[in-house]
Amino acid sequence: MWIFGYGSLMWDGWEQRPGFQRCAVATLLGYQRIFNKASIRNWGNRQHLGPTLNIEPSEGAACMGVAFEFSENSRDEVLAYLRDRKGPSFELRELRLCIPGEGDMVGTVQIYRGRNILASNDVYELAALVRAAKGTSGSCADYVVGVAHELTRLNIENAVVTSLCQVLLHEEGPTHA
């Protein structure tokens, strides 16, 4: 069984507990990352929403991330962990992953379908929210930087993550004339 990570699942070591067998860079075709999920627990709270990653269908897009392989004997434990970690508003969908050296495989992907959706995708507005947000797992800035570092380590380019991280680390906001 394969689990696809495109956000914090790529880098926070969650896979160690249920005993993953291996991991590989994988591609999910027809989807793209988007910072539209407002975390009110892990990376933010109700007063300061933490923008976190979700994926959305997009024709011609490709979302590269990490696929973790687990034994079929671990299926129930792994899926129960993901349901608990992600919450009831995440749908666990079986989708086709392209894994180099493996070909096309079916993997479980988490897609947020709840009501905590951020309306804006303006990078400066998102950066302001990120700077203010902190949840049970840490600051939202740590989340964004952690995802960006892991993508860099894996040689995966993602403009959505890169641009937010750059604004977050290097700019206070847009300049107005």
Protein backbone atom coordinates (compact mmCIF):
# COMPACT_ATOMS: atom_id res chain seq x y z
CA MET A 1 0.00 0.00 0.00
CA TRP A 2 1.24 3.49 -0.87
CA ILE A 3 0.49 6.79 0.91
CA PHE A 4 1.20 10.05 -0.94
CA GLY A 5 2.46 13.09 0.98
CA TYR A 6 2.53 16.59 -0.52
CA GLY A 7 2.85 18.70 2.67
CA SER A 8 4.09 17.91 6.18
CA LEU A 9 3.71 14.17 5.59
CA MET A 10 6.81 14.47 3.38
CA TRP A 11 9.14 15.57 6.18
CA ASP A 12 7.89 15.12 9.72
CA GLY A 13 8.80 11.43 10.26
CA TRP A 14 5.23 10.16 10.76
CA GLU A 15 5.97 7.07 8.70
CA GLN A 16 8.44 5.66 11.23
CA ARG A 17 5.79 4.60 13.76
CA PRO A 18 3.71 2.34 11.51
CA GLY A 19 6.89 0.87 9.98
CA PHE A 20 7.09 2.00 6.40
CA GLN A 21 9.10 -0.18 4.02
CA ARG A 22 10.44 2.51 1.71
CA CYS A 23 9.70 5.86 0.18
CA ALA A 24 10.11 7.37 -3.27
CA VAL A 25 9.49 10.64 -5.06
CA ALA A 26 6.17 10.28 -6.84
CA THR A 27 3.94 12.32 -9.12
CA LEU A 28 0.19 12.75 -8.83
CA LEU A 29 -1.08 13.80 -12.26
CA GLY A 30 -3.99 16.20 -12.64
CA TYR A 31 -3.56 17.89 -9.24
CA GLN A 32 -1.70 20.92 -7.90
CA ARG A 33 -0.78 22.23 -4.45
CA ILE A 34 -2.72 25.17 -3.04
CA PHE A 35 -2.51 26.98 0.31
CA ASN A 36 -6.27 27.04 0.88
CA LYS A 37 -6.77 24.87 3.99
CA ALA A 38 -7.04 26.95 7.16
CA SER A 39 -5.50 24.98 10.02
CA ILE A 40 -7.25 25.70 13.31
CA ARG A 41 -5.42 23.02 15.30
CA ASN A 42 -1.97 21.86 14.12
CA TRP A 43 -0.52 25.01 12.51
CA GLY A 44 -2.98 27.68 13.57
CA ASN A 45 -5.99 28.34 15.79
CA ARG A 46 -9.45 29.90 15.48
CA GLN A 47 -8.07 33.41 16.11
CA HIS A 48 -5.10 33.01 13.73
CA LEU A 49 -5.82 30.64 10.87
CA GLY A 50 -2.76 28.81 9.55
CA PRO A 51 -2.68 28.42 5.75
CA THR A 52 -1.68 24.86 4.95
CA LEU A 53 -1.49 22.83 1.79
CA ASN A 54 -4.30 21.04 0.07
CA ILE A 55 -4.48 19.78 -3.47
CA GLU A 56 -7.02 20.55 -6.13
CA PRO A 57 -7.72 19.09 -9.55
CA SER A 58 -6.06 20.99 -12.37
CA GLU A 59 -5.95 19.82 -15.95
CA GLY A 60 -2.38 19.25 -17.10
CA ALA A 61 -0.91 19.77 -13.62
CA ALA A 62 1.43 17.42 -11.79
CA CYS A 63 2.01 17.43 -8.03
CA MET A 64 5.31 15.86 -7.02
CA GLY A 65 5.67 14.58 -3.47
CA VAL A 66 6.72 11.50 -1.53
CA ALA A 67 5.05 8.09 -1.67
CA PHE A 68 5.52 5.86 1.36
CA GLU A 69 5.10 2.12 0.98
CA PHE A 70 3.64 0.06 3.83
CA SER A 71 2.82 -3.59 4.17
CA GLU A 72 -0.81 -4.48 3.42
CA ASN A 73 -0.87 -5.85 6.98
CA SER A 74 -0.42 -2.24 8.19
CA ARG A 75 -3.30 -0.84 6.12
CA ASP A 76 -5.84 -0.45 8.94
CA GLU A 77 -3.28 1.08 11.33
CA VAL A 78 -1.93 3.53 8.74
CA LEU A 79 -5.36 4.67 7.54
CA ALA A 80 -6.59 5.04 11.15
CA TYR A 81 -3.53 7.19 11.92
CA LEU A 82 -4.17 9.40 8.87
CA ARG A 83 -7.86 9.80 9.72
CA ASP A 84 -6.96 10.80 13.28
CA ARG A 85 -4.16 13.16 12.21
CA LYS A 86 -6.00 14.83 9.37
CA GLY A 87 -9.51 14.83 10.84
CA PRO A 88 -12.93 13.98 9.44
CA SER A 89 -12.89 16.71 6.78
CA PHE A 90 -10.11 14.99 4.83
CA GLU A 91 -11.13 12.50 2.20
CA LEU A 92 -8.73 9.59 1.72
CA ARG A 93 -8.84 8.85 -2.00
CA GLU A 94 -7.18 6.11 -3.97
CA LEU A 95 -5.48 7.79 -6.95
CA ARG A 96 -2.88 6.87 -9.54
CA LEU A 97 0.71 7.77 -8.66
CA CYS A 98 3.65 7.68 -11.06
CA ILE A 99 6.68 6.29 -9.21
CA PRO A 100 10.00 6.11 -11.09
CA GLY A 101 11.15 2.52 -11.44
CA GLU A 102 7.72 1.26 -10.31
CA GLY A 103 5.43 2.67 -12.98
CA ASP A 104 1.86 3.57 -12.14
CA MET A 105 0.69 2.57 -8.66
CA VAL A 106 -2.45 3.26 -6.67
CA GLY A 107 -1.86 5.38 -3.59
CA THR A 108 -3.96 6.92 -0.85
CA VAL A 109 -4.05 10.71 -1.05
CA GLN A 110 -5.52 13.11 1.52
CA ILE A 111 -7.76 15.84 0.10
CA TYR A 112 -9.39 18.43 2.36
CA ARG A 113 -13.15 18.80 1.81
CA GLY A 114 -14.13 20.76 4.92
CA ARG A 115 -15.41 24.27 5.48
CA ASN A 116 -12.11 25.85 6.61
CA ILE A 117 -11.15 27.01 3.13
CA LEU A 118 -9.27 30.26 2.62
CA ALA A 119 -10.70 32.45 -0.11
CA SER A 120 -7.53 34.35 -1.00
CA ASN A 121 -4.53 33.00 -2.80
CA ASP A 122 -2.68 36.32 -2.64
CA VAL A 123 0.85 35.47 -1.49
CA TYR A 124 1.14 38.58 0.73
CA GLU A 125 -2.17 37.93 2.47
CA LEU A 126 -1.18 34.29 2.98
CA ALA A 127 2.22 35.32 4.36
CA ALA A 128 0.57 37.67 6.89
CA LEU A 129 -1.66 34.81 8.07
CA VAL A 130 1.32 32.43 8.26
CA ARG A 131 3.34 34.86 10.37
CA ALA A 132 0.55 35.16 12.96
CA ALA A 133 -0.50 31.49 13.16
CA LYS A 134 0.64 28.90 15.67
CA GLY A 135 -0.97 25.60 16.60
CA THR A 136 -0.33 22.38 18.50
CA SER A 137 2.36 21.27 16.01
CA GLY A 138 4.17 24.63 15.98
CA SER A 139 4.17 27.85 14.03
CA CYS A 140 2.69 27.96 10.57
CA ALA A 141 5.95 29.55 9.40
CA ASP A 142 7.77 26.37 10.50
CA TYR A 143 5.28 24.37 8.42
CA VAL A 144 5.82 26.43 5.26
CA VAL A 145 9.62 26.48 5.66
CA GLY A 146 9.66 22.74 6.44
CA VAL A 147 7.73 21.91 3.28
CA ALA A 148 9.96 24.23 1.21
CA HIS A 149 13.14 22.67 2.62
CA GLU A 150 11.94 19.15 1.90
CA LEU A 151 10.97 20.05 -1.67
CA THR A 152 14.43 21.58 -2.17
CA ARG A 153 16.09 18.49 -0.69
CA LEU A 154 14.14 16.30 -3.10
CA ASN A 155 14.87 18.58 -6.08
CA ILE A 156 11.17 19.26 -6.55
CA GLU A 157 10.22 22.69 -7.83
CA ASN A 158 6.88 24.10 -6.73
CA ALA A 159 6.12 27.76 -7.42
CA VAL A 160 3.28 27.96 -4.87
CA VAL A 161 5.46 26.85 -1.95
CA THR A 162 8.57 28.70 -3.15
CA SER A 163 6.83 32.05 -3.61
CA LEU A 164 5.12 31.92 -0.20
CA CYS A 165 8.36 30.92 1.50
CA GLN A 166 10.28 33.72 -0.23
CA VAL A 167 7.74 36.36 0.79
CA LEU A 168 7.57 34.94 4.29
CA LEU A 169 11.35 35.00 4.79
CA HIS A 170 12.35 38.10 2.82
CA GLU A 171 9.53 40.58 2.59
CA GLU A 172 7.10 42.31 4.90
CA GLY A 173 4.51 42.89 2.22
CA PRO A 174 3.88 44.62 -1.09
CA THR A 175 5.13 48.15 -1.53
CA HIS A 176 2.52 50.76 -2.21
CA ALA A 177 3.32 53.92 -4.14
